[in-house]
Amino acid sequence: MSTPVPSPRPTPQSVARTVADRSPAANWLIPTGLVLLSVVPVVAGSLRLAELAGGPPIVPDGDRVTAAPVALVTHIVAVTVFSLVGAFQFAPGLRRRHRAWHRAAGRVLVLCGLLTAGTGLWLTLFLPPAAVDSELLIAIRVVVSVAMAACVGVGFLAVRRRDFAAHRAWMIRGYAIGMGAGTQFFTQLAWLAVVGPVTASGRTGTMAAGWLINVVVAEWVIRRRAAGQDRRRDAVRVSGSARPRPAG
């Protein structure tokens, strides 16, 4: 009687691939939610670009920010690409089935992330502040811009040395910071609904809250992913130790 050939031993990567392929929520709901979160800032940026092209002023504060058109256009285009393309980097199935696309999109996102942070820092430092921008908010924006650039830069260096876990973690952090405007739309809506017109202190608080919420969610996602990888490694070890040895 022939000895049965043992099936290949599962690995953490194969287990993760199976989970990703069977999870439509992870593959489509997450990117869809991130795209929806990007809608308001993307629309606002598009209206600002139309204004710069000669259209009517629709978005407030146009006279101040349009004084630096090159930096402003670069910032809007970079953050739009970063937000929309970056959303699909969070689809595990898409990432695994289209690795070439993931790598190409990742290079674009690194460039756009650094441009977003750099132009955001330039606009903060060299444009006159808005009437409701406090000195504290300006300082927070500087810290946020530097932090975003650092996260994207560290994420890029991590993938260059093939540390994919660190790469994912740092790019998630950078993306969360870059998506601050989407969350800030809702924190400012909450302020308007509960308190009333946005004051300087209210703007500082709602802007900071938007970034803080995103950073907290990002850290939760990173730790949840790490815990899931630990569970998969444990499952693989148990499966491997329980597998019967072929008869000699």
Protein backbone atom coordinates (compact mmCIF):
# COMPACT_ATOMS: atom_id res chain seq x y z
CA MET A 1 0.00 0.00 0.00
CA SER A 2 1.38 3.40 -0.98
CA THR A 3 2.17 5.95 1.67
CA PRO A 4 -0.05 9.07 1.44
CA VAL A 5 1.81 12.20 0.45
CA PRO A 6 1.44 14.84 3.18
CA SER A 7 -0.10 18.12 2.10
CA PRO A 8 2.11 21.21 2.22
CA ARG A 9 2.50 22.68 5.66
CA PRO A 10 0.58 25.96 6.01
CA THR A 11 2.56 29.14 6.53
CA PRO A 12 1.46 32.44 8.12
CA GLN A 13 1.48 33.97 4.63
CA SER A 14 -0.78 31.28 3.15
CA VAL A 15 -3.18 31.55 6.07
CA ALA A 16 -3.29 35.34 5.73
CA ARG A 17 -3.89 35.00 1.97
CA THR A 18 -6.83 32.66 2.56
CA VAL A 19 -8.35 35.01 5.14
CA ALA A 20 -7.94 38.01 2.84
CA ASP A 21 -9.45 36.26 -0.17
CA ARG A 22 -12.49 35.20 1.88
CA SER A 23 -13.09 38.63 3.40
CA PRO A 24 -15.03 40.95 1.07
CA ALA A 25 -15.29 43.46 3.91
CA ALA A 26 -11.52 43.86 4.06
CA ASN A 27 -11.18 43.94 0.28
CA TRP A 28 -13.86 46.49 -0.56
CA LEU A 29 -15.55 48.05 2.46
CA ILE A 30 -12.33 49.49 3.87
CA PRO A 31 -11.19 51.17 0.62
CA THR A 32 -14.73 52.39 -0.03
CA GLY A 33 -14.92 53.94 3.43
CA LEU A 34 -11.57 55.65 2.97
CA VAL A 35 -12.59 57.03 -0.43
CA LEU A 36 -15.80 58.39 1.10
CA LEU A 37 -13.76 60.00 3.87
CA SER A 38 -11.71 61.70 1.15
CA VAL A 39 -14.71 63.11 -0.72
CA VAL A 40 -15.11 66.41 1.13
CA PRO A 41 -11.43 67.51 1.06
CA VAL A 42 -11.08 66.31 -2.55
CA VAL A 43 -14.16 68.29 -3.61
CA ALA A 44 -12.93 71.36 -1.71
CA GLY A 45 -9.54 71.05 -3.39
CA SER A 46 -11.17 70.71 -6.81
CA LEU A 47 -13.18 73.87 -6.22
CA ARG A 48 -10.01 75.68 -5.19
CA LEU A 49 -8.28 74.54 -8.39
CA ALA A 50 -11.25 75.77 -10.41
CA GLU A 51 -10.97 79.14 -8.66
CA LEU A 52 -7.28 79.35 -9.49
CA ALA A 53 -8.13 78.60 -13.12
CA GLY A 54 -10.41 81.64 -13.24
CA GLY A 55 -13.65 80.28 -11.84
CA PRO A 56 -15.80 81.98 -9.21
CA PRO A 57 -14.57 81.91 -5.59
CA ILE A 58 -16.62 79.31 -3.71
CA VAL A 59 -14.36 78.04 -0.94
CA PRO A 60 -13.74 80.61 1.85
CA ASP A 61 -10.31 82.14 2.52
CA GLY A 62 -9.39 82.27 -1.17
CA ASP A 63 -7.54 85.58 -1.13
CA ARG A 64 -5.08 84.33 1.47
CA VAL A 65 -4.21 80.86 0.15
CA THR A 66 -4.18 81.70 -3.55
CA ALA A 67 -1.22 84.02 -2.93
CA ALA A 68 0.98 80.90 -3.30
CA PRO A 69 -0.56 79.12 -6.30
CA VAL A 70 2.31 76.72 -7.07
CA ALA A 71 2.54 75.35 -3.53
CA LEU A 72 -1.25 75.25 -3.22
CA VAL A 73 -1.80 73.37 -6.50
CA THR A 74 0.99 70.92 -5.66
CA HIS A 75 -0.54 70.33 -2.23
CA ILE A 76 -4.05 69.75 -3.58
CA VAL A 77 -2.96 67.37 -6.35
CA ALA A 78 -0.58 65.45 -4.07
CA VAL A 79 -3.06 64.98 -1.23
CA THR A 80 -5.82 63.98 -3.67
CA VAL A 81 -3.68 61.23 -5.20
CA PHE A 82 -2.40 60.20 -1.77
CA SER A 83 -5.94 59.89 -0.38
CA LEU A 84 -7.64 58.10 -3.28
CA VAL A 85 -4.88 55.79 -4.48
CA GLY A 86 -3.78 55.09 -0.92
CA ALA A 87 -7.25 53.82 -0.02
CA PHE A 88 -6.83 50.80 -2.31
CA GLN A 89 -3.53 49.85 -0.70
CA PHE A 90 -5.65 48.68 2.24
CA ALA A 91 -7.44 45.96 0.19
CA PRO A 92 -5.54 42.76 1.12
CA GLY A 93 -6.83 40.74 -1.82
CA LEU A 94 -6.00 43.44 -4.35
CA ARG A 95 -2.58 43.90 -2.81
CA ARG A 96 -1.78 40.18 -2.97
CA ARG A 97 -3.18 39.50 -6.45
CA HIS A 98 -1.64 42.59 -8.07
CA ARG A 99 1.77 42.99 -6.48
CA ALA A 100 3.19 44.98 -9.39
CA TRP A 101 0.37 47.50 -9.08
CA HIS A 102 0.88 47.68 -5.32
CA ARG A 103 4.59 48.43 -5.74
CA ALA A 104 4.04 51.03 -8.48
CA ALA A 105 1.25 52.72 -6.53
CA GLY A 106 3.42 52.66 -3.43
CA ARG A 107 6.18 54.61 -5.15
CA VAL A 108 3.66 57.22 -6.27
CA LEU A 109 2.24 57.42 -2.76
CA VAL A 110 5.64 57.97 -1.17
CA LEU A 111 6.25 60.90 -3.52
CA CYS A 112 2.75 62.33 -2.99
CA GLY A 113 2.97 61.86 0.77
CA LEU A 114 6.24 63.76 0.98
CA LEU A 115 4.88 66.49 -1.31
CA THR A 116 1.72 66.75 0.80
CA ALA A 117 3.70 67.13 4.01
CA GLY A 118 6.28 69.48 2.50
CA THR A 119 3.82 71.84 0.84
CA GLY A 120 1.58 71.73 3.91
CA LEU A 121 4.54 72.83 6.02
CA TRP A 122 5.44 75.58 3.53
CA LEU A 123 1.88 76.93 3.39
CA THR A 124 1.72 76.92 7.20
CA LEU A 125 4.98 78.79 7.68
CA PHE A 126 4.93 81.29 4.83
CA LEU A 127 1.29 82.25 4.33
CA PRO A 128 -0.38 84.67 6.72
CA PRO A 129 -2.61 82.77 9.16
CA ALA A 130 -6.37 82.85 8.82
CA ALA A 131 -8.39 84.90 11.29
CA VAL A 132 -9.38 81.79 13.25
CA ASP A 133 -5.93 80.18 13.21
CA SER A 134 -4.33 80.32 16.65
CA GLU A 135 -0.61 80.11 17.29
CA LEU A 136 -1.21 76.71 18.86
CA LEU A 137 -2.89 75.45 15.68
CA ILE A 138 0.03 76.69 13.60
CA ALA A 139 2.43 74.80 15.87
CA ILE A 140 0.27 71.66 15.63
CA ARG A 141 0.29 71.89 11.83
CA VAL A 142 4.08 72.11 11.81
CA VAL A 143 4.35 69.02 14.03
CA VAL A 144 1.79 67.13 11.92
CA SER A 145 3.57 67.96 8.65
CA VAL A 146 6.94 66.85 9.99
CA ALA A 147 5.40 63.69 11.50
CA MET A 148 3.70 62.76 8.22
CA ALA A 149 6.92 63.19 6.25
CA ALA A 150 8.80 61.13 8.84
CA CYS A 151 6.25 58.30 8.76
CA VAL A 152 6.28 58.09 4.97
CA GLY A 153 10.08 58.29 4.86
CA VAL A 154 10.55 55.58 7.50
CA GLY A 155 7.97 53.42 5.72
CA PHE A 156 9.89 53.74 2.46
CA LEU A 157 13.20 52.85 4.12
CA ALA A 158 11.55 49.85 5.80
CA VAL A 159 10.35 48.36 2.51
CA ARG A 160 13.79 48.93 0.97
CA ARG A 161 15.24 46.61 3.61
CA ARG A 162 12.25 44.24 3.13
CA ASP A 163 10.82 44.81 6.60
CA PHE A 164 7.24 44.63 5.38
CA ALA A 165 5.61 44.70 8.81
CA ALA A 166 7.34 47.97 9.71
CA HIS A 167 6.60 49.31 6.21
CA ARG A 168 2.86 48.69 6.61
CA ALA A 169 2.79 50.17 10.10
CA TRP A 170 4.57 53.40 9.17
CA MET A 171 2.61 53.89 5.95
CA ILE A 172 -0.65 53.41 7.87
CA ARG A 173 0.47 56.13 10.28
CA GLY A 174 1.42 58.46 7.44
CA TYR A 175 -1.86 57.83 5.63
CA ALA A 176 -3.85 58.46 8.81
CA ILE A 177 -2.19 61.84 9.26
CA GLY A 178 -2.71 62.74 5.62
CA MET A 179 -6.42 61.92 5.91
CA GLY A 180 -6.88 64.39 8.75
CA ALA A 181 -8.98 66.80 6.67
CA GLY A 182 -11.67 64.18 6.13
CA THR A 183 -12.12 63.57 9.85
CA GLN A 184 -11.85 67.28 10.63
CA PHE A 185 -14.92 67.90 8.49
CA PHE A 186 -16.93 65.79 10.94
CA THR A 187 -15.33 67.19 14.09
CA GLN A 188 -16.13 70.72 12.91
CA LEU A 189 -19.68 69.68 12.03
CA ALA A 190 -20.04 68.36 15.57
CA TRP A 191 -18.77 71.67 16.96
CA LEU A 192 -21.24 73.63 14.81
CA ALA A 193 -24.11 71.41 15.90
CA VAL A 194 -23.32 71.49 19.62
CA VAL A 195 -21.56 74.81 20.26
CA GLY A 196 -22.18 77.09 17.30
CA PRO A 197 -19.85 79.12 15.06
CA VAL A 198 -16.24 77.94 15.06
CA THR A 199 -13.96 80.21 17.07
CA ALA A 200 -10.16 80.20 17.14
CA SER A 201 -10.12 77.81 20.10
CA GLY A 202 -12.84 75.70 18.52
CA ARG A 203 -10.92 75.44 15.26
CA THR A 204 -7.78 74.44 17.12
CA GLY A 205 -9.65 71.80 19.09
CA THR A 206 -11.56 70.33 16.15
CA MET A 207 -8.50 70.22 13.90
CA ALA A 208 -6.38 68.58 16.59
CA ALA A 209 -9.19 66.14 17.37
CA GLY A 210 -9.37 65.07 13.72
CA TRP A 211 -5.69 64.20 13.59
CA LEU A 212 -5.79 62.57 17.03
CA ILE A 213 -8.75 60.36 16.09
CA ASN A 214 -6.97 59.20 12.95
CA VAL A 215 -3.73 58.45 14.79
CA VAL A 216 -5.56 56.47 17.49
CA VAL A 217 -7.45 54.44 14.88
CA ALA A 218 -4.21 53.82 12.98
CA GLU A 219 -2.46 52.51 16.09
CA TRP A 220 -5.45 50.26 16.82
CA VAL A 221 -5.31 48.85 13.27
CA ILE A 222 -1.55 48.26 13.51
CA ARG A 223 -1.82 46.45 16.85
CA ARG A 224 -4.84 44.45 15.71
CA ARG A 225 -2.94 43.35 12.61
CA ALA A 226 0.09 42.38 14.70
CA ALA A 227 -2.10 40.37 17.08
CA GLY A 228 -3.71 38.59 14.12
CA GLN A 229 -0.30 37.67 12.73
CA ASP A 230 0.70 36.26 16.12
CA ARG A 231 -2.46 34.13 16.20
CA ARG A 232 -1.79 32.85 12.67
CA ARG A 233 1.78 31.90 13.59
CA ASP A 234 0.48 30.03 16.64
CA ALA A 235 -2.10 28.24 14.48
CA VAL A 236 0.59 27.24 11.99
CA ARG A 237 2.81 25.88 14.76
CA VAL A 238 -0.07 23.88 16.25
CA SER A 239 -1.05 22.55 12.82
CA GLY A 240 2.52 21.57 12.04
CA SER A 241 3.07 19.81 15.36
CA ALA A 242 -0.25 17.94 15.09
CA ARG A 243 0.38 16.71 11.53
CA PRO A 244 1.03 12.92 11.53
CA ARG A 245 4.42 11.84 10.32
CA PRO A 246 4.50 9.57 7.23
CA ALA A 247 5.17 5.93 7.95
CA GLY A 248 8.79 4.87 7.44
